[in-house]
Amino acid sequence: MGHKIQEAVTVVDKLRVLYNLQLIDSRIDEIRKFRGNIPMEIKSLEEELNQMKKKLEKIHEDVFYIKENINKQNKNIKSSEILINKYEKQKDHINNHKELYSIDKEIDYQKLEIQLSKKRIKELNIQIDKKEEVIGEKEDILKNKEEHLFHKKKELNKILLENDKEEKILLEQSSSFSQKVENSLLKIYKRIRNGVKNGVAVAPVQRGAPLGSYLAITPQKYSELIQRNKLLIDEHSGRILIDAELAEEEKKKSFVFCSKKKL
C-alpha cells in the first residue's frame, strides 16, 4: 500500500468526503475569525474603561474646584470677621453719630457677606455630597468592568489555547480528506470556497434551497440531487449541492461535530 490515501470513487463517496472537508474547513474558518475578532473585542472593552476613567477624573476635578471655592468663601468670612473686629474697635473712639452710623453700616454689610458665604458653603457642600455619591457609584461600576475585562481576557486565552489544539488536529484532518478527493475536484472546491463570502463550497439543500441561499433549485435538479448519481452545482450560488439527509449523516459522524459535543 502506497502513501496516497484511497480516493473516493462513487458520487456518494465524493459527496461524503467533500462535505466532511467542508465541515472541517468551516470550523477552521470559525476558529480563525474568532481569533481575529478578539483584539477588537478587548479594545472595545478597554476603550469603554478609559471613557469611564476620564469621566471619573472630570468629577474628581469638579470636587477639587468646589473645595477651592469653599476655601475662598472661608477666607472671605475670615476677612469680614477681621473687618468687623476692626470696626467694633473703631466705634469705641468715635462720638460722631454720622461716622458711627457709617461704621454700623459697614459692620452690617460684612455680616451680610458672612451670611452669604456661609449659605454658599452649604450649597457647595451639598454639591460635593452629590458628586461623591456619583463617584462611589461610578467607581463600583469601573471596578466591576475591570474585573470583567480581566476574566474575559483569561477566558479568551483559555479558549484560544483550546482552539489552537483543535485547529492543529483539524488541519491534519483537512489534509487527510483533501487527499481522498481527486485533484480536479479539489481545485473546484477550493475555487468555490475562495469565491464565496462564508467559505461554504458544499451546501446542503434544505426546504428546496441551498443553505445560506433564498433561491430554490428546480424540482428536476432536486430530483437528480436525491438520486446521488452525479455532482450538481447550484447555478445561482455556484456551490456544490448535497442533499440534507446525506449531509446530516456525515455531520453526525464528523470529527467537528463530535469534538464540539465534547467542548
Protein backbone atom coordinates (compact mmCIF):
# COMPACT_ATOMS: atom_id res chain seq x y z
CA MET A 1 0.00 0.00 0.00
CA GLY A 2 1.41 3.40 -1.02
CA HIS A 3 1.31 6.75 0.74
CA LYS A 4 -1.65 8.02 -1.32
CA ILE A 5 -4.94 7.65 0.58
CA GLN A 6 -7.67 5.85 -1.39
CA GLU A 7 -9.63 8.39 -3.45
CA ALA A 8 -13.42 8.49 -3.21
CA VAL A 9 -14.85 6.69 -6.23
CA THR A 10 -18.66 6.89 -6.30
CA VAL A 11 -20.59 10.19 -6.33
CA VAL A 12 -21.89 9.45 -2.82
CA ASP A 13 -18.33 8.80 -1.58
CA LYS A 14 -17.16 12.03 -3.18
CA LEU A 15 -20.00 13.97 -1.58
CA ARG A 16 -19.33 12.42 1.83
CA VAL A 17 -15.64 13.30 1.66
CA LEU A 18 -16.27 16.81 0.30
CA TYR A 19 -18.87 17.53 2.97
CA ASN A 20 -16.54 16.31 5.72
CA LEU A 21 -13.82 18.51 4.27
CA GLN A 22 -16.28 21.42 4.22
CA LEU A 23 -17.26 20.91 7.88
CA ILE A 24 -13.59 20.82 8.90
CA ASP A 25 -12.62 23.86 6.81
CA SER A 26 -15.65 25.83 8.07
CA ARG A 27 -14.64 25.10 11.66
CA ILE A 28 -11.08 26.25 10.88
CA ASP A 29 -12.58 29.46 9.40
CA GLU A 30 -14.64 29.89 12.58
CA ILE A 31 -11.57 29.50 14.80
CA ARG A 32 -9.55 31.98 12.73
CA LYS A 33 -12.41 34.52 12.62
CA PHE A 34 -12.79 34.25 16.40
CA ARG A 35 -9.03 34.74 16.85
CA GLY A 36 -9.16 37.81 14.60
CA ASN A 37 -12.13 39.33 16.43
CA ILE A 38 -10.63 39.04 19.93
CA PRO A 39 -8.33 42.11 19.72
CA MET A 40 -11.35 44.19 18.58
CA GLU A 41 -13.49 42.93 21.46
CA ILE A 42 -10.76 43.60 24.05
CA LYS A 43 -10.01 47.02 22.51
CA SER A 44 -13.70 47.93 22.72
CA LEU A 45 -13.84 46.96 26.42
CA GLU A 46 -10.61 48.85 27.15
CA GLU A 47 -11.90 51.97 25.37
CA GLU A 48 -15.10 51.79 27.45
CA LEU A 49 -12.96 51.62 30.62
CA ASN A 50 -10.86 54.60 29.52
CA GLN A 51 -14.00 56.66 28.86
CA MET A 52 -15.28 55.82 32.34
CA LYS A 53 -11.93 56.75 33.90
CA LYS A 54 -11.94 60.11 32.07
CA LYS A 55 -15.48 60.85 33.32
CA LEU A 56 -14.40 59.96 36.86
CA GLU A 57 -11.35 62.22 36.61
CA LYS A 58 -13.64 65.05 35.47
CA ILE A 59 -15.91 64.59 38.53
CA HIS A 60 -12.85 64.47 40.84
CA GLU A 61 -11.67 67.73 39.22
CA ASP A 62 -15.10 69.29 39.81
CA VAL A 63 -14.91 68.30 43.51
CA PHE A 64 -11.41 69.81 43.74
CA TYR A 65 -12.64 73.15 42.31
CA ILE A 66 -15.69 73.17 44.59
CA LYS A 67 -13.38 72.66 47.59
CA GLU A 68 -11.19 75.51 46.32
CA ASN A 69 -14.34 77.66 46.20
CA ILE A 70 -15.22 76.65 49.81
CA ASN A 71 -11.70 77.68 50.89
CA LYS A 72 -12.21 81.01 49.13
CA GLN A 73 -15.57 81.52 50.92
CA ASN A 74 -13.93 80.67 54.28
CA LYS A 75 -11.20 83.23 53.59
CA ASN A 76 -13.90 85.80 52.79
CA ILE A 77 -15.59 85.02 56.13
CA LYS A 78 -12.25 85.49 57.96
CA SER A 79 -11.64 88.78 56.15
CA SER A 80 -15.14 90.00 57.07
CA GLU A 81 -14.66 88.92 60.70
CA ILE A 82 -11.34 90.84 60.86
CA LEU A 83 -13.07 93.91 59.41
CA ILE A 84 -15.99 93.63 61.86
CA ASN A 85 -13.49 93.36 64.73
CA LYS A 86 -11.61 96.39 63.41
CA TYR A 87 -14.84 98.45 63.05
CA GLU A 88 -16.02 97.46 66.53
CA LYS A 89 -12.76 98.78 67.98
CA GLN A 90 -13.10 101.98 65.97
CA LYS A 91 -16.56 102.56 67.46
CA ASP A 92 -15.02 102.95 70.94
CA HIS A 93 -13.18 106.08 69.79
CA ILE A 94 -15.98 107.77 67.82
CA ASN A 95 -18.53 110.19 69.21
CA ASN A 96 -19.81 111.49 65.89
CA HIS A 97 -23.24 109.97 65.02
CA LYS A 98 -22.66 110.18 61.30
CA GLU A 99 -19.38 108.26 61.49
CA LEU A 100 -20.94 105.76 63.91
CA TYR A 101 -23.83 105.18 61.52
CA SER A 102 -21.37 104.70 58.67
CA ILE A 103 -19.34 102.14 60.66
CA ASP A 104 -22.51 100.26 61.70
CA LYS A 105 -23.49 100.07 58.05
CA GLU A 106 -20.07 98.60 57.22
CA ILE A 107 -20.44 96.06 60.04
CA ASP A 108 -23.92 95.07 58.79
CA TYR A 109 -22.57 94.75 55.26
CA GLN A 110 -19.74 92.46 56.45
CA LYS A 111 -22.21 90.36 58.49
CA LEU A 112 -24.35 90.00 55.37
CA GLU A 113 -21.24 88.94 53.41
CA ILE A 114 -20.54 86.28 56.08
CA GLN A 115 -24.14 85.04 55.80
CA LEU A 116 -23.90 84.83 52.02
CA SER A 117 -20.56 83.00 52.21
CA LYS A 118 -21.97 80.52 54.74
CA LYS A 119 -25.03 79.93 52.54
CA ARG A 120 -22.74 79.42 49.53
CA ILE A 121 -20.56 76.97 51.55
CA LYS A 122 -23.69 74.99 52.48
CA GLU A 123 -24.73 74.80 48.79
CA LEU A 124 -21.21 73.81 47.73
CA ASN A 125 -21.09 71.03 50.36
CA ILE A 126 -24.39 69.65 49.01
CA GLN A 127 -22.79 69.64 45.52
CA ILE A 128 -19.77 67.77 46.89
CA ASP A 129 -22.00 65.16 48.59
CA LYS A 130 -23.89 64.55 45.33
CA LYS A 131 -20.69 64.31 43.30
CA GLU A 132 -19.06 61.97 45.82
CA GLU A 133 -22.14 59.75 45.68
CA VAL A 134 -21.77 59.60 41.86
CA ILE A 135 -18.02 58.92 42.27
CA GLY A 136 -18.81 55.98 44.59
CA GLU A 137 -21.30 54.51 42.13
CA LYS A 138 -19.03 55.01 39.12
CA GLU A 139 -16.00 53.54 40.94
CA ASP A 140 -18.05 50.41 41.75
CA ILE A 141 -19.07 50.09 38.09
CA LEU A 142 -15.47 50.69 37.00
CA LYS A 143 -14.20 48.03 39.41
CA ASN A 144 -16.76 45.53 38.06
CA LYS A 145 -15.83 46.39 34.46
CA GLU A 146 -12.12 45.94 35.23
CA GLU A 147 -12.84 42.56 36.83
CA HIS A 148 -14.99 41.62 33.82
CA LEU A 149 -12.14 42.57 31.44
CA PHE A 150 -9.61 40.59 33.50
CA HIS A 151 -11.82 37.46 33.48
CA LYS A 152 -12.71 38.00 29.82
CA LYS A 153 -9.01 38.04 28.86
CA LYS A 154 -8.42 34.92 30.98
CA GLU A 155 -11.42 33.14 29.45
CA LEU A 156 -10.43 34.15 25.90
CA ASN A 157 -6.87 32.93 26.43
CA LYS A 158 -8.23 29.57 27.59
CA ILE A 159 -10.48 29.33 24.51
CA LEU A 160 -7.55 30.36 22.26
CA LEU A 161 -5.38 27.57 23.67
CA GLU A 162 -8.18 25.03 23.14
CA ASN A 163 -8.78 26.38 19.64
CA ASP A 164 -5.07 26.14 18.79
CA LYS A 165 -5.06 22.46 19.74
CA GLU A 166 -8.29 21.87 17.81
CA GLU A 167 -7.00 23.76 14.76
CA LYS A 168 -3.86 21.60 14.58
CA ILE A 169 -5.98 18.43 14.57
CA LEU A 170 -8.43 19.96 12.08
CA LEU A 171 -5.63 20.92 9.69
CA GLU A 172 -4.38 17.31 9.76
CA GLN A 173 -7.96 16.10 9.14
CA SER A 174 -8.39 18.62 6.31
CA SER A 175 -5.19 17.40 4.68
CA SER A 176 -6.29 13.79 5.11
CA PHE A 177 -9.71 14.35 3.50
CA SER A 178 -8.15 16.51 0.74
CA GLN A 179 -6.06 13.51 -0.29
CA LYS A 180 -9.21 11.45 -0.76
CA VAL A 181 -10.52 13.95 -3.35
CA GLU A 182 -9.33 13.86 -6.95
CA ASN A 183 -7.18 16.90 -7.83
CA SER A 184 -9.57 18.46 -10.37
CA LEU A 185 -12.49 18.30 -7.88
CA LEU A 186 -10.31 19.62 -5.04
CA LYS A 187 -9.36 22.60 -7.24
CA ILE A 188 -13.06 23.28 -7.93
CA TYR A 189 -13.85 23.02 -4.20
CA LYS A 190 -11.04 25.45 -3.29
CA ARG A 191 -12.01 27.88 -6.06
CA ILE A 192 -15.65 27.95 -4.88
CA ARG A 193 -14.55 28.33 -1.26
CA ASN A 194 -12.37 31.33 -2.13
CA GLY A 195 -15.14 32.89 -4.21
CA VAL A 196 -17.94 32.84 -1.63
CA LYS A 197 -18.17 35.12 1.41
CA ASN A 198 -18.66 32.46 4.10
CA GLY A 199 -16.27 29.91 2.56
CA VAL A 200 -19.06 27.33 2.10
CA ALA A 201 -18.44 25.42 -1.13
CA VAL A 202 -20.63 22.37 -0.34
CA ALA A 203 -24.16 23.40 0.63
CA PRO A 204 -26.92 21.10 1.92
CA VAL A 205 -30.28 21.68 0.26
CA GLN A 206 -32.98 22.39 2.85
CA ARG A 207 -36.59 23.30 2.02
CA GLY A 208 -35.67 23.28 -1.67
CA ALA A 209 -32.83 25.85 -1.41
CA PRO A 210 -29.08 25.55 -0.69
CA LEU A 211 -28.19 26.55 2.87
CA GLY A 212 -27.48 30.28 3.01
CA SER A 213 -29.40 30.97 -0.21
CA TYR A 214 -33.02 32.06 -0.62
CA LEU A 215 -33.17 30.97 -4.28
CA ALA A 216 -34.68 27.49 -4.62
CA ILE A 217 -33.32 24.89 -7.04
CA THR A 218 -35.65 23.46 -9.71
CA PRO A 219 -37.71 20.31 -8.88
CA GLN A 220 -35.81 18.49 -11.63
CA LYS A 221 -32.45 19.38 -10.06
CA TYR A 222 -33.76 18.34 -6.63
CA SER A 223 -34.86 15.01 -8.09
CA GLU A 224 -31.35 14.50 -9.56
CA LEU A 225 -29.80 15.52 -6.25
CA ILE A 226 -31.57 12.90 -4.14
CA GLN A 227 -30.67 10.21 -6.68
CA ARG A 228 -26.99 10.99 -5.88
CA ASN A 229 -25.81 9.89 -9.32
CA LYS A 230 -23.80 12.99 -10.23
CA LEU A 231 -22.23 16.06 -8.65
CA LEU A 232 -24.51 19.05 -9.01
CA ILE A 233 -23.58 22.73 -8.86
CA ASP A 234 -26.13 25.41 -7.95
CA GLU A 235 -26.45 27.83 -10.87
CA HIS A 236 -27.18 30.82 -8.58
CA SER A 237 -24.56 30.50 -5.83
CA GLY A 238 -22.06 28.33 -7.72
CA ARG A 239 -21.85 25.88 -4.78
CA ILE A 240 -21.67 22.09 -4.92
CA LEU A 241 -25.00 20.67 -3.71
CA ILE A 242 -25.59 17.84 -1.24
CA ASP A 243 -28.97 16.56 -0.06
CA ALA A 244 -29.81 17.33 3.58
CA GLU A 245 -30.13 13.66 4.60
CA LEU A 246 -26.65 12.73 3.41
CA ALA A 247 -25.24 15.92 4.94
CA GLU A 248 -26.87 15.09 8.29
CA GLU A 249 -25.43 11.54 8.22
CA GLU A 250 -21.92 12.92 7.70
CA LYS A 251 -22.39 15.69 10.26
CA LYS A 252 -23.20 13.15 12.98
CA LYS A 253 -20.04 11.17 12.19
CA SER A 254 -17.86 14.21 11.59
CA PHE A 255 -14.84 14.97 13.79
CA VAL A 256 -16.06 18.59 14.05
CA PHE A 257 -19.50 17.57 15.30
CA CYS A 258 -18.08 15.07 17.82
CA SER A 259 -15.40 17.47 19.15
CA LYS A 260 -17.98 20.28 19.54
CA LYS A 261 -20.13 17.97 21.68
CA LYS A 262 -17.14 17.37 23.94
CA LEU A 263 -16.39 21.08 24.40
